Amino acid sequence: MIPCICIDDKNRPKEVPPQMWIMEGIEYHITHVQYFTKQNNIQGVYLHEVKIKNCPPYEAYRLSRFAFKEEDVPKLIQLMKDCTELNDIDINKLLEQELVTHE
């Protein structure tokens, strides 16, 4: 599990109830990275603490909603490599587009 901090909880889709939504400033732990979410063709993550269930088309939280400590970035990269949906994806390009770090 990779620790992260929510930096953007705005624009919750109406299909996702508040109890399944994330809160800015709260620490979460990523358990899986999905390269393309069905709704927006963006990187999505599954969290240990909260899950989107039965809210089509939403099934994951956008990666850009979270920030990471510098020391956790290598672990995040390894998790991305381990997730089968990322086969043949340029992870460096993905990180340039979506990854935010914090202290």
PDB file of N, CA and C in Angstrom:
ATOM      1  N   MET A   1       0.845  -1.180   0.000  1.00  0.00           N
ATOM      2  CA  MET A   1       0.000   0.000   0.000  1.00  0.00           C
ATOM      3  C   MET A   1       0.891   1.243   0.000  1.00  0.00           C
ATOM      4  N   ILE A   2       0.522   2.203  -0.827  1.00  0.00           N
ATOM      5  CA  ILE A   2       1.307   3.422  -0.976  1.00  0.00           C
ATOM      6  C   ILE A   2       0.560   4.574  -0.316  1.00  0.00           C
ATOM      7  N   PRO A   3       1.152   5.239   0.688  1.00  0.00           N
ATOM      8  CA  PRO A   3       0.472   6.369   1.329  1.00  0.00           C
ATOM      9  C   PRO A   3       0.407   7.576   0.401  1.00  0.00           C
ATOM     10  N   CYS A   4      -0.681   8.327   0.529  1.00  0.00           N
ATOM     11  CA  CYS A   4      -0.868   9.540  -0.252  1.00  0.00           C
ATOM     12  C   CYS A   4      -1.793  10.477   0.524  1.00  0.00           C
ATOM     13  N   ILE A   5      -1.792  11.733   0.115  1.00  0.00           N
ATOM     14  CA  ILE A   5      -2.668  12.734   0.724  1.00  0.00           C
ATOM     15  C   ILE A   5      -3.623  13.234  -0.352  1.00  0.00           C
ATOM     16  N   CYS A   6      -4.890  13.311  -0.037  1.00  0.00           N
ATOM     17  CA  CYS A   6      -5.851  13.857  -0.980  1.00  0.00           C
ATOM     18  C   CYS A   6      -5.639  15.368  -1.083  1.00  0.00           C
ATOM     19  N   ILE A   7      -5.448  15.858  -2.313  1.00  0.00           N
ATOM     20  CA  ILE A   7      -5.262  17.292  -2.539  1.00  0.00           C
ATOM     21  C   ILE A   7      -6.410  17.894  -3.349  1.00  0.00           C
ATOM     22  N   ASP A   8      -7.365  17.055  -3.745  1.00  0.00           N
ATOM     23  CA  ASP A   8      -8.484  17.553  -4.549  1.00  0.00           C
ATOM     24  C   ASP A   8      -9.701  16.661  -4.350  1.00  0.00           C
ATOM     25  N   ASP A   9     -10.669  17.159  -3.591  1.00  0.00           N
ATOM     26  CA  ASP A   9     -11.904  16.398  -3.394  1.00  0.00           C
ATOM     27  C   ASP A   9     -13.092  17.072  -4.078  1.00  0.00           C
ATOM     28  N   LYS A  10     -12.818  18.013  -4.948  1.00  0.00           N
ATOM     29  CA  LYS A  10     -13.881  18.773  -5.610  1.00  0.00           C
ATOM     30  C   LYS A  10     -14.524  17.971  -6.746  1.00  0.00           C
ATOM     31  N   ASN A  11     -15.717  18.410  -7.097  1.00  0.00           N
ATOM     32  CA  ASN A  11     -16.452  17.853  -8.246  1.00  0.00           C
ATOM     33  C   ASN A  11     -16.743  16.361  -8.106  1.00  0.00           C
ATOM     34  N   ARG A  12     -17.255  15.989  -6.943  1.00  0.00           N
ATOM     35  CA  ARG A  12     -17.675  14.595  -6.744  1.00  0.00           C
ATOM     36  C   ARG A  12     -18.799  14.290  -7.730  1.00  0.00           C
ATOM     37  N   PRO A  13     -18.646  13.199  -8.488  1.00  0.00           N
ATOM     38  CA  PRO A  13     -19.739  12.826  -9.410  1.00  0.00           C
ATOM     39  C   PRO A  13     -21.008  12.519  -8.629  1.00  0.00           C
ATOM     40  N   LYS A  14     -22.134  12.957  -9.141  1.00  0.00           N
ATOM     41  CA  LYS A  14     -23.403  12.747  -8.428  1.00  0.00           C
ATOM     42  C   LYS A  14     -23.711  11.263  -8.239  1.00  0.00           C
ATOM     43  N   GLU A  15     -23.125  10.402  -9.082  1.00  0.00           N
ATOM     44  CA  GLU A  15     -23.351   8.957  -8.968  1.00  0.00           C
ATOM     45  C   GLU A  15     -22.637   8.347  -7.757  1.00  0.00           C
ATOM     46  N   VAL A  16     -21.646   9.057  -7.219  1.00  0.00           N
ATOM     47  CA  VAL A  16     -20.868   8.547  -6.085  1.00  0.00           C
ATOM     48  C   VAL A  16     -21.389   9.187  -4.800  1.00  0.00           C
ATOM     49  N   PRO A  17     -21.948   8.393  -3.872  1.00  0.00           N
ATOM     50  CA  PRO A  17     -22.465   8.953  -2.628  1.00  0.00           C
ATOM     51  C   PRO A  17     -21.347   9.530  -1.753  1.00  0.00           C
ATOM     52  N   PRO A  18     -21.666  10.512  -0.914  1.00  0.00           N
ATOM     53  CA  PRO A  18     -20.644  11.156  -0.075  1.00  0.00           C
ATOM     54  C   PRO A  18     -19.832  10.182   0.772  1.00  0.00           C
ATOM     55  N   GLN A  19     -20.434   9.097   1.267  1.00  0.00           N
ATOM     56  CA  GLN A  19     -19.696   8.156   2.115  1.00  0.00           C
ATOM     57  C   GLN A  19     -18.650   7.361   1.342  1.00  0.00           C
ATOM     58  N   MET A  20     -18.706   7.396   0.014  1.00  0.00           N
ATOM     59  CA  MET A  20     -17.700   6.726  -0.815  1.00  0.00           C
ATOM     60  C   MET A  20     -16.702   7.717  -1.392  1.00  0.00           C
ATOM     61  N   TRP A  21     -16.782   8.979  -0.989  1.00  0.00           N
ATOM     62  CA  TRP A  21     -15.919  10.001  -1.561  1.00  0.00           C
ATOM     63  C   TRP A  21     -14.737  10.291  -0.654  1.00  0.00           C
ATOM     64  N   ILE A  22     -13.691  10.860  -1.223  1.00  0.00           N
ATOM     65  CA  ILE A  22     -12.462  11.211  -0.520  1.00  0.00           C
ATOM     66  C   ILE A  22     -12.563  12.624   0.046  1.00  0.00           C
ATOM     67  N   MET A  23     -11.678  12.928   1.018  1.00  0.00           N
ATOM     68  CA  MET A  23     -11.684  14.250   1.642  1.00  0.00           C
ATOM     69  C   MET A  23     -10.296  14.857   1.581  1.00  0.00           C
ATOM     70  N   GLU A  24     -10.229  16.102   1.133  1.00  0.00           N
ATOM     71  CA  GLU A  24      -8.962  16.813   1.018  1.00  0.00           C
ATOM     72  C   GLU A  24      -8.257  16.882   2.374  1.00  0.00           C
ATOM     73  N   GLY A  25      -6.938  16.642   2.351  1.00  0.00           N
ATOM     74  CA  GLY A  25      -6.132  16.694   3.564  1.00  0.00           C
ATOM     75  C   GLY A  25      -6.038  15.381   4.324  1.00  0.00           C
ATOM     76  N   ILE A  26      -6.798  14.390   3.913  1.00  0.00           N
ATOM     77  CA  ILE A  26      -6.806  13.081   4.579  1.00  0.00           C
ATOM     78  C   ILE A  26      -5.805  12.154   3.890  1.00  0.00           C
ATOM     79  N   GLU A  27      -5.099  11.352   4.706  1.00  0.00           N
ATOM     80  CA  GLU A  27      -4.169  10.363   4.150  1.00  0.00           C
ATOM     81  C   GLU A  27      -4.926   9.087   3.792  1.00  0.00           C
ATOM     82  N   TYR A  28      -4.613   8.556   2.626  1.00  0.00           N
ATOM     83  CA  TYR A  28      -5.168   7.299   2.141  1.00  0.00           C
ATOM     84  C   TYR A  28      -4.014   6.395   1.715  1.00  0.00           C
ATOM     85  N   HIS A  29      -4.350   5.156   1.374  1.00  0.00           N
ATOM     86  CA  HIS A  29      -3.339   4.195   0.929  1.00  0.00           C
ATOM     87  C   HIS A  29      -3.805   3.538  -0.370  1.00  0.00           C
ATOM     88  N   ILE A  30      -3.000   3.687  -1.420  1.00  0.00           N
ATOM     89  CA  ILE A  30      -3.322   3.121  -2.726  1.00  0.00           C
ATOM     90  C   ILE A  30      -2.968   1.639  -2.732  1.00  0.00           C
ATOM     91  N   THR A  31      -3.915   0.842  -3.202  1.00  0.00           N
ATOM     92  CA  THR A  31      -3.697  -0.605  -3.283  1.00  0.00           C
ATOM     93  C   THR A  31      -3.546  -1.100  -4.713  1.00  0.00           C
ATOM     94  N   HIS A  32      -3.994  -0.308  -5.681  1.00  0.00           N
ATOM     95  CA  HIS A  32      -3.955  -0.742  -7.080  1.00  0.00           C
ATOM     96  C   HIS A  32      -4.028   0.485  -7.974  1.00  0.00           C
ATOM     97  N   VAL A  33      -3.337   0.424  -9.110  1.00  0.00           N
ATOM     98  CA  VAL A  33      -3.389   1.501 -10.104  1.00  0.00           C
ATOM     99  C   VAL A  33      -3.999   0.943 -11.376  1.00  0.00           C
ATOM    100  N   GLN A  34      -4.960   1.661 -11.902  1.00  0.00           N
ATOM    101  CA  GLN A  34      -5.641   1.277 -13.135  1.00  0.00           C
ATOM    102  C   GLN A  34      -5.323   2.370 -14.147  1.00  0.00           C
ATOM    103  N   TYR A  35      -4.765   2.015 -15.293  1.00  0.00           N
ATOM    104  CA  TYR A  35      -4.333   3.050 -16.224  1.00  0.00           C
ATOM    105  C   TYR A  35      -5.492   3.805 -16.846  1.00  0.00           C
ATOM    106  N   PHE A  36      -6.469   3.139 -17.404  1.00  0.00           N
ATOM    107  CA  PHE A  36      -7.602   3.830 -18.000  1.00  0.00           C
ATOM    108  C   PHE A  36      -8.856   3.544 -17.201  1.00  0.00           C
ATOM    109  N   THR A  37      -9.469   4.596 -16.676  1.00  0.00           N
ATOM    110  CA  THR A  37     -10.792   4.412 -16.098  1.00  0.00           C
ATOM    111  C   THR A  37     -11.786   4.545 -17.236  1.00  0.00           C
ATOM    112  N   LYS A  38     -12.906   3.907 -17.121  1.00  0.00           N
ATOM    113  CA  LYS A  38     -13.881   3.878 -18.203  1.00  0.00           C
ATOM    114  C   LYS A  38     -14.465   5.251 -18.495  1.00  0.00           C
ATOM    115  N   GLN A  39     -14.609   6.091 -17.465  1.00  0.00           N
ATOM    116  CA  GLN A  39     -15.310   7.344 -17.677  1.00  0.00           C
ATOM    117  C   GLN A  39     -14.485   8.424 -18.364  1.00  0.00           C
ATOM    118  N   ASN A  40     -13.166   8.495 -18.165  1.00  0.00           N
ATOM    119  CA  ASN A  40     -12.412   9.625 -18.701  1.00  0.00           C
ATOM    120  C   ASN A  40     -11.067   9.273 -19.326  1.00  0.00           C
ATOM    121  N   ASN A  41     -10.741   8.012 -19.467  1.00  0.00           N
ATOM    122  CA  ASN A  41      -9.426   7.619 -19.982  1.00  0.00           C
ATOM    123  C   ASN A  41      -8.294   8.274 -19.209  1.00  0.00           C
ATOM    124  N   ILE A  42      -8.354   8.189 -17.894  1.00  0.00           N
ATOM    125  CA  ILE A  42      -7.330   8.746 -17.009  1.00  0.00           C
ATOM    126  C   ILE A  42      -6.855   7.673 -16.057  1.00  0.00           C
ATOM    127  N   GLN A  43      -5.762   7.969 -15.346  1.00  0.00           N
ATOM    128  CA  GLN A  43      -5.248   7.036 -14.370  1.00  0.00           C
ATOM    129  C   GLN A  43      -6.161   7.041 -13.144  1.00  0.00           C
ATOM    130  N   GLY A  44      -6.474   5.860 -12.680  1.00  0.00           N
ATOM    131  CA  GLY A  44      -7.314   5.731 -11.500  1.00  0.00           C
ATOM    132  C   GLY A  44      -6.640   4.847 -10.471  1.00  0.00           C
ATOM    133  N   VAL A  45      -7.017   5.040  -9.210  1.00  0.00           N
ATOM    134  CA  VAL A  45      -6.443   4.236  -8.138  1.00  0.00           C
ATOM    135  C   VAL A  45      -7.551   3.704  -7.243  1.00  0.00           C
ATOM    136  N   TYR A  46      -7.279   2.541  -6.676  1.00  0.00           N
ATOM    137  CA  TYR A  46      -8.141   1.972  -5.646  1.00  0.00           C
ATOM    138  C   TYR A  46      -7.493   2.270  -4.301  1.00  0.00           C
ATOM    139  N   LEU A  47      -8.320   2.567  -3.308  1.00  0.00           N
ATOM    140  CA  LEU A  47      -7.833   2.919  -1.979  1.00  0.00           C
ATOM    141  C   LEU A  47      -8.235   1.865  -0.960  1.00  0.00           C
ATOM    142  N   HIS A  48      -7.413   1.738   0.069  1.00  0.00           N
ATOM    143  CA  HIS A  48      -7.697   0.802   1.152  1.00  0.00           C
ATOM    144  C   HIS A  48      -8.864   1.297   2.014  1.00  0.00           C
ATOM    145  N   GLU A  49      -8.908   2.574   2.278  1.00  0.00           N
ATOM    146  CA  GLU A  49      -9.844   3.131   3.258  1.00  0.00           C
ATOM    147  C   GLU A  49     -11.263   3.357   2.740  1.00  0.00           C
ATOM    148  N   VAL A  50     -11.408   3.625   1.471  1.00  0.00           N
ATOM    149  CA  VAL A  50     -12.727   3.932   0.907  1.00  0.00           C
ATOM    150  C   VAL A  50     -12.774   3.392  -0.515  1.00  0.00           C
ATOM    151  N   LYS A  51     -13.955   2.924  -0.923  1.00  0.00           N
ATOM    152  CA  LYS A  51     -14.090   2.309  -2.239  1.00  0.00           C
ATOM    153  C   LYS A  51     -15.358   2.813  -2.922  1.00  0.00           C
ATOM    154  N   ILE A  52     -15.253   2.970  -4.234  1.00  0.00           N
ATOM    155  CA  ILE A  52     -16.435   3.278  -5.031  1.00  0.00           C
ATOM    156  C   ILE A  52     -17.036   1.943  -5.457  1.00  0.00           C
ATOM    157  N   LYS A  53     -18.292   1.713  -5.069  1.00  0.00           N
ATOM    158  CA  LYS A  53     -18.958   0.453  -5.407  1.00  0.00           C
ATOM    159  C   LYS A  53     -20.326   0.743  -6.007  1.00  0.00           C
ATOM    160  N   ASN A  54     -20.638   0.032  -7.075  1.00  0.00           N
ATOM    161  CA  ASN A  54     -21.954   0.120  -7.707  1.00  0.00           C
ATOM    162  C   ASN A  54     -22.331   1.541  -8.099  1.00  0.00           C
ATOM    163  N   CYS A  55     -21.375   2.257  -8.686  1.00  0.00           N
ATOM    164  CA  CYS A  55     -21.598   3.640  -9.123  1.00  0.00           C
ATOM    165  C   CYS A  55     -21.159   3.829 -10.573  1.00  0.00           C
ATOM    166  N   PRO A  56     -21.682   3.016 -11.485  1.00  0.00           N
ATOM    167  CA  PRO A  56     -21.232   3.118 -12.870  1.00  0.00           C
ATOM    168  C   PRO A  56     -21.404   4.550 -13.380  1.00  0.00           C
ATOM    169  N   PRO A  57     -20.463   5.018 -14.178  1.00  0.00           N
ATOM    170  CA  PRO A  57     -19.295   4.313 -14.699  1.00  0.00           C
ATOM    171  C   PRO A  57     -18.081   4.451 -13.800  1.00  0.00           C
ATOM    172  N   TYR A  58     -18.231   5.014 -12.615  1.00  0.00           N
ATOM    173  CA  TYR A  58     -17.090   5.297 -11.737  1.00  0.00           C
ATOM    174  C   TYR A  58     -16.705   4.071 -10.926  1.00  0.00           C
ATOM    175  N   GLU A  59     -15.385   3.808 -10.891  1.00  0.00           N
ATOM    176  CA  GLU A  59     -14.895   2.642 -10.151  1.00  0.00           C
ATOM    177  C   GLU A  59     -13.583   2.910  -9.433  1.00  0.00           C
ATOM    178  N   ALA A  60     -12.938   4.048  -9.713  1.00  0.00           N
ATOM    179  CA  ALA A  60     -11.643   4.377  -9.106  1.00  0.00           C
ATOM    180  C   ALA A  60     -11.549   5.888  -8.935  1.00  0.00           C
ATOM    181  N   TYR A  61     -10.554   6.320  -8.135  1.00  0.00           N
ATOM    182  CA  TYR A  61     -10.306   7.743  -7.908  1.00  0.00           C
ATOM    183  C   TYR A  61      -9.168   8.201  -8.806  1.00  0.00           C
ATOM    184  N   ARG A  62      -9.304   9.377  -9.369  1.00  0.00           N
ATOM    185  CA  ARG A  62      -8.284   9.908 -10.274  1.00  0.00           C
ATOM    186  C   ARG A  62      -6.957  10.107  -9.532  1.00  0.00           C
ATOM    187  N   LEU A  63      -5.880   9.610 -10.105  1.00  0.00           N
ATOM    188  CA  LEU A  63      -4.550   9.698  -9.501  1.00  0.00           C
ATOM    189  C   LEU A  63      -4.156  11.140  -9.185  1.00  0.00           C
ATOM    190  N   SER A  64      -4.536  12.063 -10.039  1.00  0.00           N
ATOM    191  CA  SER A  64      -4.148  13.464  -9.839  1.00  0.00           C
ATOM    192  C   SER A  64      -4.828  14.110  -8.641  1.00  0.00           C
ATOM    193  N   ARG A  65      -5.734  13.417  -7.972  1.00  0.00           N
ATOM    194  CA  ARG A  65      -6.356  13.935  -6.757  1.00  0.00           C
ATOM    195  C   ARG A  65      -5.472  13.727  -5.520  1.00  0.00           C
ATOM    196  N   PHE A  66      -4.311  13.093  -5.705  1.00  0.00           N
ATOM    197  CA  PHE A  66      -3.457  12.730  -4.570  1.00  0.00           C
ATOM    198  C   PHE A  66      -2.034  13.228  -4.760  1.00  0.00           C
ATOM    199  N   ALA A  67      -1.364  13.488  -3.633  1.00  0.00           N
ATOM    200  CA  ALA A  67       0.055  13.859  -3.637  1.00  0.00           C
ATOM    201  C   ALA A  67       0.812  12.801  -2.838  1.00  0.00           C
ATOM    202  N   PHE A  68       2.124  12.687  -3.156  1.00  0.00           N
ATOM    203  CA  PHE A  68       2.955  11.644  -2.577  1.00  0.00           C
ATOM    204  C   PHE A  68       4.235  12.231  -2.011  1.00  0.00           C
ATOM    205  N   LYS A  69       4.746  11.630  -0.955  1.00  0.00           N
ATOM    206  CA  LYS A  69       6.062  12.002  -0.441  1.00  0.00           C
ATOM    207  C   LYS A  69       7.115  11.500  -1.422  1.00  0.00           C
ATOM    208  N   GLU A  70       8.190  12.268  -1.566  1.00  0.00           N
ATOM    209  CA  GLU A  70       9.269  11.889  -2.491  1.00  0.00           C
ATOM    210  C   GLU A  70       9.734  10.455  -2.250  1.00  0.00           C
ATOM    211  N   GLU A  71       9.880  10.074  -0.983  1.00  0.00           N
ATOM    212  CA  GLU A  71      10.399   8.733  -0.694  1.00  0.00           C
ATOM    213  C   GLU A  71       9.431   7.617  -1.064  1.00  0.00           C
ATOM    214  N   ASP A  72       8.140   7.948  -1.285  1.00  0.00           N
ATOM    215  CA  ASP A  72       7.165   6.933  -1.673  1.00  0.00           C
ATOM    216  C   ASP A  72       7.005   6.794  -3.185  1.00  0.00           C
ATOM    217  N   VAL A  73       7.594   7.711  -3.947  1.00  0.00           N
ATOM    218  CA  VAL A  73       7.463   7.666  -5.409  1.00  0.00           C
ATOM    219  C   VAL A  73       8.025   6.369  -6.000  1.00  0.00           C
ATOM    220  N   PRO A  74       9.217   5.890  -5.580  1.00  0.00           N
ATOM    221  CA  PRO A  74       9.690   4.608  -6.137  1.00  0.00           C
ATOM    222  C   PRO A  74       8.730   3.446  -5.852  1.00  0.00           C
ATOM    223  N   LYS A  75       8.093   3.442  -4.683  1.00  0.00           N
ATOM    224  CA  LYS A  75       7.121   2.382  -4.361  1.00  0.00           C
ATOM    225  C   LYS A  75       5.896   2.497  -5.259  1.00  0.00           C
ATOM    226  N   LEU A  76       5.464   3.737  -5.527  1.00  0.00           N
ATOM    227  CA  LEU A  76       4.329   3.948  -6.416  1.00  0.00           C
ATOM    228  C   LEU A  76       4.662   3.466  -7.826  1.00  0.00           C
ATOM    229  N   ILE A  77       5.843   3.781  -8.303  1.00  0.00           N
ATOM    230  CA  ILE A  77       6.265   3.337  -9.630  1.00  0.00           C
ATOM    231  C   ILE A  77       6.273   1.813  -9.705  1.00  0.00           C
ATOM    232  N   GLN A  78       6.765   1.165  -8.664  1.00  0.00           N
ATOM    233  CA  GLN A  78       6.775  -0.299  -8.651  1.00  0.00           C
ATOM    234  C   GLN A  78       5.359  -0.864  -8.659  1.00  0.00           C
ATOM    235  N   LEU A  79       4.455  -0.240  -7.891  1.00  0.00           N
ATOM    236  CA  LEU A  79       3.063  -0.694  -7.889  1.00  0.00           C
ATOM    237  C   LEU A  79       2.460  -0.535  -9.280  1.00  0.00           C
ATOM    238  N   MET A  80       2.767   0.578  -9.945  1.00  0.00           N
ATOM    239  CA  MET A  80       2.268   0.783 -11.310  1.00  0.00           C
ATOM    240  C   MET A  80       2.763  -0.322 -12.239  1.00  0.00           C
ATOM    241  N   LYS A  81       4.023  -0.678 -12.100  1.00  0.00           N
ATOM    242  CA  LYS A  81       4.592  -1.746 -12.936  1.00  0.00           C
ATOM    243  C   LYS A  81       3.928  -3.082 -12.629  1.00  0.00           C
ATOM    244  N   ASP A  82       3.591  -3.307 -11.372  1.00  0.00           N
ATOM    245  CA  ASP A  82       2.994  -4.568 -10.957  1.00  0.00           C
ATOM    246  C   ASP A  82       1.538  -4.724 -11.399  1.00  0.00           C
ATOM    247  N   CYS A  83       0.869  -3.614 -11.658  1.00  0.00           N
ATOM    248  CA  CYS A  83      -0.538  -3.669 -12.061  1.00  0.00           C
ATOM    249  C   CYS A  83      -0.622  -4.019 -13.543  1.00  0.00           C
ATOM    250  N   THR A  84      -1.267  -5.084 -13.864  1.00  0.00           N
ATOM    251  CA  THR A  84      -1.256  -5.610 -15.224  1.00  0.00           C
ATOM    252  C   THR A  84      -1.842  -4.657 -16.251  1.00  0.00           C
ATOM    253  N   GLU A  85      -2.712  -3.749 -15.862  1.00  0.00           N
ATOM    254  CA  GLU A  85      -3.293  -2.818 -16.822  1.00  0.00           C
ATOM    255  C   GLU A  85      -2.244  -1.880 -17.397  1.00  0.00           C
ATOM    256  N   LEU A  86      -1.091  -1.793 -16.785  1.00  0.00           N
ATOM    257  CA  LEU A  86      -0.062  -0.870 -17.238  1.00  0.00           C
ATOM    258  C   LEU A  86       0.922  -1.497 -18.227  1.00  0.00           C
ATOM    259  N   ASN A  87       0.665  -2.685 -18.683  1.00  0.00           N
ATOM    260  CA  ASN A  87       1.569  -3.306 -19.660  1.00  0.00           C
ATOM    261  C   ASN A  87       1.745  -2.399 -20.862  1.00  0.00           C
ATOM    262  N   ASP A  88       3.001  -2.230 -21.274  1.00  0.00           N
ATOM    263  CA  ASP A  88       3.357  -1.431 -22.446  1.00  0.00           C
ATOM    264  C   ASP A  88       3.006   0.043 -22.325  1.00  0.00           C
ATOM    265  N   ILE A  89       2.862   0.552 -21.116  1.00  0.00           N
ATOM    266  CA  ILE A  89       2.591   1.973 -20.895  1.00  0.00           C
ATOM    267  C   ILE A  89       3.886   2.632 -20.453  1.00  0.00           C
ATOM    268  N   ASP A  90       4.176   3.823 -20.965  1.00  0.00           N
ATOM    269  CA  ASP A  90       5.361   4.577 -20.564  1.00  0.00           C
ATOM    270  C   ASP A  90       5.080   5.234 -19.206  1.00  0.00           C
ATOM    271  N   ILE A  91       5.577   4.630 -18.139  1.00  0.00           N
ATOM    272  CA  ILE A  91       5.303   5.109 -16.788  1.00  0.00           C
ATOM    273  C   ILE A  91       5.878   6.499 -16.563  1.00  0.00           C
ATOM    274  N   ASN A  92       7.026   6.803 -17.143  1.00  0.00           N
ATOM    275  CA  ASN A  92       7.597   8.140 -16.974  1.00  0.00           C
ATOM    276  C   ASN A  92       6.673   9.217 -17.529  1.00  0.00           C
ATOM    277  N   LYS A  93       6.056   8.946 -18.671  1.00  0.00           N
ATOM    278  CA  LYS A  93       5.114   9.903 -19.249  1.00  0.00           C
ATOM    279  C   LYS A  93       3.890  10.044 -18.346  1.00  0.00           C
ATOM    280  N   LEU A  94       3.413   8.934 -17.819  1.00  0.00           N
ATOM    281  CA  LEU A  94       2.280   8.949 -16.908  1.00  0.00           C
ATOM    282  C   LEU A  94       2.605   9.793 -15.679  1.00  0.00           C
ATOM    283  N   LEU A  95       3.794   9.624 -15.112  1.00  0.00           N
ATOM    284  CA  LEU A  95       4.187  10.371 -13.915  1.00  0.00           C
ATOM    285  C   LEU A  95       4.293  11.861 -14.198  1.00  0.00           C
ATOM    286  N   GLU A  96       4.801  12.230 -15.353  1.00  0.00           N
ATOM    287  CA  GLU A  96       4.904  13.644 -15.705  1.00  0.00           C
ATOM    288  C   GLU A  96       3.530  14.300 -15.745  1.00  0.00           C
ATOM    289  N   GLN A  97       2.538  13.574 -16.173  1.00  0.00           N
ATOM    290  CA  GLN A  97       1.190  14.121 -16.331  1.00  0.00           C
ATOM    291  C   GLN A  97       0.412  14.172 -15.031  1.00  0.00           C
ATOM    292  N   GLU A  98       0.594  13.218 -14.151  1.00  0.00           N
ATOM    293  CA  GLU A  98      -0.320  13.053 -13.030  1.00  0.00           C
ATOM    294  C   GLU A  98       0.285  13.166 -11.629  1.00  0.00           C
ATOM    295  N   LEU A  99       1.581  12.976 -11.471  1.00  0.00           N
ATOM    296  CA  LEU A  99       2.141  12.822 -10.140  1.00  0.00           C
ATOM    297  C   LEU A  99       2.459  14.161  -9.477  1.00  0.00           C
ATOM    298  N   VAL A 100       1.962  14.320  -8.242  1.00  0.00           N
ATOM    299  CA  VAL A 100       2.232  15.501  -7.421  1.00  0.00           C
ATOM    300  C   VAL A 100       2.900  15.023  -6.147  1.00  0.00           C
ATOM    301  N   THR A 101       3.969  15.702  -5.723  1.00  0.00           N
ATOM    302  CA  THR A 101       4.639  15.341  -4.467  1.00  0.00           C
ATOM    303  C   THR A 101       4.382  16.415  -3.429  1.00  0.00           C
ATOM    304  N   HIS A 102       4.529  16.026  -2.152  1.00  0.00           N
ATOM    305  CA  HIS A 102       4.382  16.963  -1.041  1.00  0.00           C
ATOM    306  C   HIS A 102       5.406  16.599   0.009  1.00  0.00           C
ATOM    307  N   GLU A 103       5.642  17.509   0.934  1.00  0.00           N
ATOM    308  CA  GLU A 103       6.603  17.263   2.025  1.00  0.00           C
ATOM    309  C   GLU A 103       5.899  16.785   3.263  1.00  0.00           C
TER     310      GLU A 103
END
